[in-house]
Amino acid sequence: MTTINVNGQAYEVAVEPETPLLWILRDTLGLTGTKYGCGIAQCGACTVLVDGQAIRSCQMPVDSVGSADIRTIEAIERDEIGRKVVEAWVQEQVPQCGYCQSGQVMAATALLKQNPHPTDSDIADAMTNLCRCGTYNRVASAIHQAAG
């Protein structure tokens, strides 16, 4: 049995220690807002916050999580910065297909927690999540708006 802290709640899960965090979130806990994209930590659709850092959950084994605070898209609006990011995402009409957006929002929230007033260069460096629809300009605009 492994205990993990997700969105402010402790969960005991019976999984193998090497099970990726993504599968525990989606399959065991039913938190399906975090998406499976590539499975090799390249696309960012699976991004969650682990102790405030943007982490690709598809490659993070649960045994490496320990007592860390895990936040998913389901709880991001409980965070003041996360709420501002979501509001800016809506105002800037960032999503098109929407598949990558939960990971994008999580990465943007982590960026603004570390750097409250990022430059365009800071945003480009931090926002490595892929978007097949190409909404990168609107992502950057929404991040600037959320930084306000």
Protein backbone atom coordinates (compact mmCIF):
# COMPACT_ATOMS: atom_id res chain seq x y z
CA MET A 1 0.00 0.00 0.00
CA THR A 2 1.27 3.45 -0.92
CA THR A 3 -0.09 6.73 0.43
CA ILE A 4 -0.09 9.78 -1.84
CA ASN A 5 -1.39 13.30 -1.25
CA VAL A 6 -3.49 14.50 -4.19
CA ASN A 7 -5.38 17.79 -4.21
CA GLY A 8 -5.16 18.07 -0.44
CA GLN A 9 -6.41 14.57 0.30
CA ALA A 10 -4.43 11.48 1.30
CA TYR A 11 -5.13 8.31 -0.69
CA GLU A 12 -3.92 4.78 0.01
CA VAL A 13 -3.39 2.97 -3.26
CA ALA A 14 -2.47 -0.66 -3.87
CA VAL A 15 -0.15 -0.42 -6.88
CA GLU A 16 3.30 -1.53 -7.91
CA PRO A 17 6.01 0.99 -6.86
CA GLU A 18 7.04 1.64 -10.46
CA THR A 19 3.49 2.47 -11.61
CA PRO A 20 3.51 5.90 -13.26
CA LEU A 21 1.69 8.59 -11.30
CA LEU A 22 -0.48 9.32 -14.36
CA TRP A 23 -2.12 5.89 -14.21
CA ILE A 24 -2.82 6.19 -10.51
CA LEU A 25 -4.44 9.59 -11.04
CA ARG A 26 -6.55 8.45 -13.98
CA ASP A 27 -7.28 4.77 -13.37
CA THR A 28 -7.13 4.40 -9.60
CA LEU A 29 -8.41 7.80 -8.42
CA GLY A 30 -10.62 8.65 -11.42
CA LEU A 31 -9.01 12.07 -11.95
CA THR A 32 -9.15 12.03 -15.74
CA GLY A 33 -8.37 15.71 -16.34
CA THR A 34 -4.69 14.83 -16.57
CA LYS A 35 -4.22 13.40 -20.06
CA TYR A 36 -2.08 10.68 -21.59
CA GLY A 37 -0.27 11.99 -24.63
CA CYS A 38 3.03 10.45 -25.66
CA GLY A 39 4.01 8.32 -22.66
CA ILE A 40 7.65 9.46 -22.86
CA ALA A 41 7.42 12.81 -21.01
CA GLN A 42 7.79 14.86 -24.18
CA CYS A 43 4.37 16.36 -24.94
CA GLY A 44 3.30 17.62 -21.50
CA ALA A 45 -0.37 16.56 -21.65
CA CYS A 46 0.21 14.70 -18.36
CA THR A 47 1.69 17.67 -16.48
CA VAL A 48 0.76 17.98 -12.80
CA LEU A 49 2.26 20.00 -9.96
CA VAL A 50 4.41 18.11 -7.47
CA ASP A 51 5.35 20.42 -4.61
CA GLY A 52 4.63 23.31 -7.00
CA GLN A 53 6.88 22.05 -9.80
CA ALA A 54 5.52 21.08 -13.22
CA ILE A 55 6.17 17.34 -13.58
CA ARG A 56 5.34 14.96 -16.43
CA SER A 57 3.36 12.31 -14.57
CA CYS A 58 3.57 9.64 -17.30
CA GLN A 59 7.19 8.95 -16.36
CA MET A 60 7.11 9.58 -12.60
CA PRO A 61 6.94 6.32 -10.65
CA VAL A 62 4.66 6.52 -7.65
CA ASP A 63 7.44 5.38 -5.31
CA SER A 64 9.33 8.61 -6.09
CA VAL A 65 6.41 10.81 -5.00
CA GLY A 66 6.76 10.19 -1.27
CA SER A 67 4.85 12.74 0.80
CA ALA A 68 4.87 15.40 -1.93
CA ASP A 69 1.83 17.60 -2.51
CA ILE A 70 0.36 16.63 -5.89
CA ARG A 71 -2.05 19.02 -7.60
CA THR A 72 -4.05 18.17 -10.68
CA ILE A 73 -6.21 20.24 -13.01
CA GLU A 74 -9.27 19.22 -10.99
CA ALA A 75 -8.08 21.38 -8.09
CA ILE A 76 -6.12 24.12 -9.85
CA GLU A 77 -8.77 26.79 -9.33
CA ARG A 78 -8.40 26.40 -5.56
CA ASP A 79 -4.96 27.96 -6.03
CA GLU A 80 -5.01 31.75 -6.48
CA ILE A 81 -2.49 31.70 -9.33
CA GLY A 82 -4.14 28.67 -10.92
CA ARG A 83 -7.51 30.43 -10.83
CA LYS A 84 -6.00 33.47 -12.57
CA VAL A 85 -4.47 31.23 -15.23
CA VAL A 86 -7.80 29.51 -15.91
CA GLU A 87 -9.60 32.87 -16.09
CA ALA A 88 -7.00 34.18 -18.56
CA TRP A 89 -7.26 30.96 -20.59
CA VAL A 90 -11.00 31.53 -20.95
CA GLN A 91 -10.69 35.24 -21.75
CA GLU A 92 -7.99 34.62 -24.37
CA GLN A 93 -9.94 31.65 -25.78
CA VAL A 94 -6.79 29.54 -25.70
CA PRO A 95 -8.21 26.02 -26.20
CA GLN A 96 -9.14 24.70 -29.57
CA CYS A 97 -9.34 20.91 -29.34
CA GLY A 98 -8.46 21.22 -25.64
CA TYR A 99 -6.58 17.96 -25.23
CA CYS A 100 -3.28 19.54 -24.12
CA GLN A 101 -4.85 22.33 -22.11
CA SER A 102 -4.83 20.77 -18.65
CA GLY A 103 -1.09 20.21 -18.96
CA GLN A 104 -0.62 23.72 -20.38
CA VAL A 105 -2.54 25.29 -17.47
CA MET A 106 -0.50 23.31 -14.95
CA ALA A 107 2.80 24.33 -16.58
CA ALA A 108 1.70 27.98 -16.74
CA THR A 109 0.70 27.92 -13.08
CA ALA A 110 4.09 26.48 -12.10
CA LEU A 111 5.83 29.16 -14.18
CA LEU A 112 3.91 32.00 -12.52
CA LYS A 113 4.57 30.58 -9.07
CA GLN A 114 8.30 30.68 -9.80
CA ASN A 115 8.32 33.89 -11.87
CA PRO A 116 5.33 36.19 -11.28
CA HIS A 117 6.23 38.48 -14.20
CA PRO A 118 7.77 36.37 -16.98
CA THR A 119 9.13 37.82 -20.20
CA ASP A 120 8.29 36.32 -23.58
CA SER A 121 11.63 34.52 -23.41
CA ASP A 122 10.83 33.13 -19.93
CA ILE A 123 7.49 31.85 -21.24
CA ALA A 124 9.09 30.25 -24.29
CA ASP A 125 11.68 28.53 -22.10
CA ALA A 126 9.16 27.26 -19.55
CA MET A 127 6.24 26.30 -21.77
CA THR A 128 7.59 23.20 -23.48
CA ASN A 129 4.21 21.46 -23.67
CA LEU A 130 3.13 20.63 -27.21
CA CYS A 131 -0.11 21.84 -28.77
CA ARG A 132 -1.21 20.27 -32.04
CA CYS A 133 -3.58 23.17 -32.64
CA GLY A 134 -0.73 25.70 -32.39
CA THR A 135 -2.25 27.98 -29.74
CA TYR A 136 1.19 29.09 -28.51
CA ASN A 137 0.57 32.80 -29.09
CA ARG A 138 -2.66 32.67 -27.11
CA VAL A 139 -0.93 30.65 -24.37
CA ALA A 140 1.73 33.37 -24.03
CA SER A 141 -0.91 36.09 -24.08
CA ALA A 142 -2.93 34.34 -21.36
CA ILE A 143 0.18 33.92 -19.19
CA HIS A 144 0.94 37.64 -19.49
CA GLN A 145 -2.68 38.42 -18.61
CA ALA A 146 -2.62 36.13 -15.58
CA ALA A 147 0.64 37.75 -14.45
CA GLY A 148 -1.23 41.06 -14.69
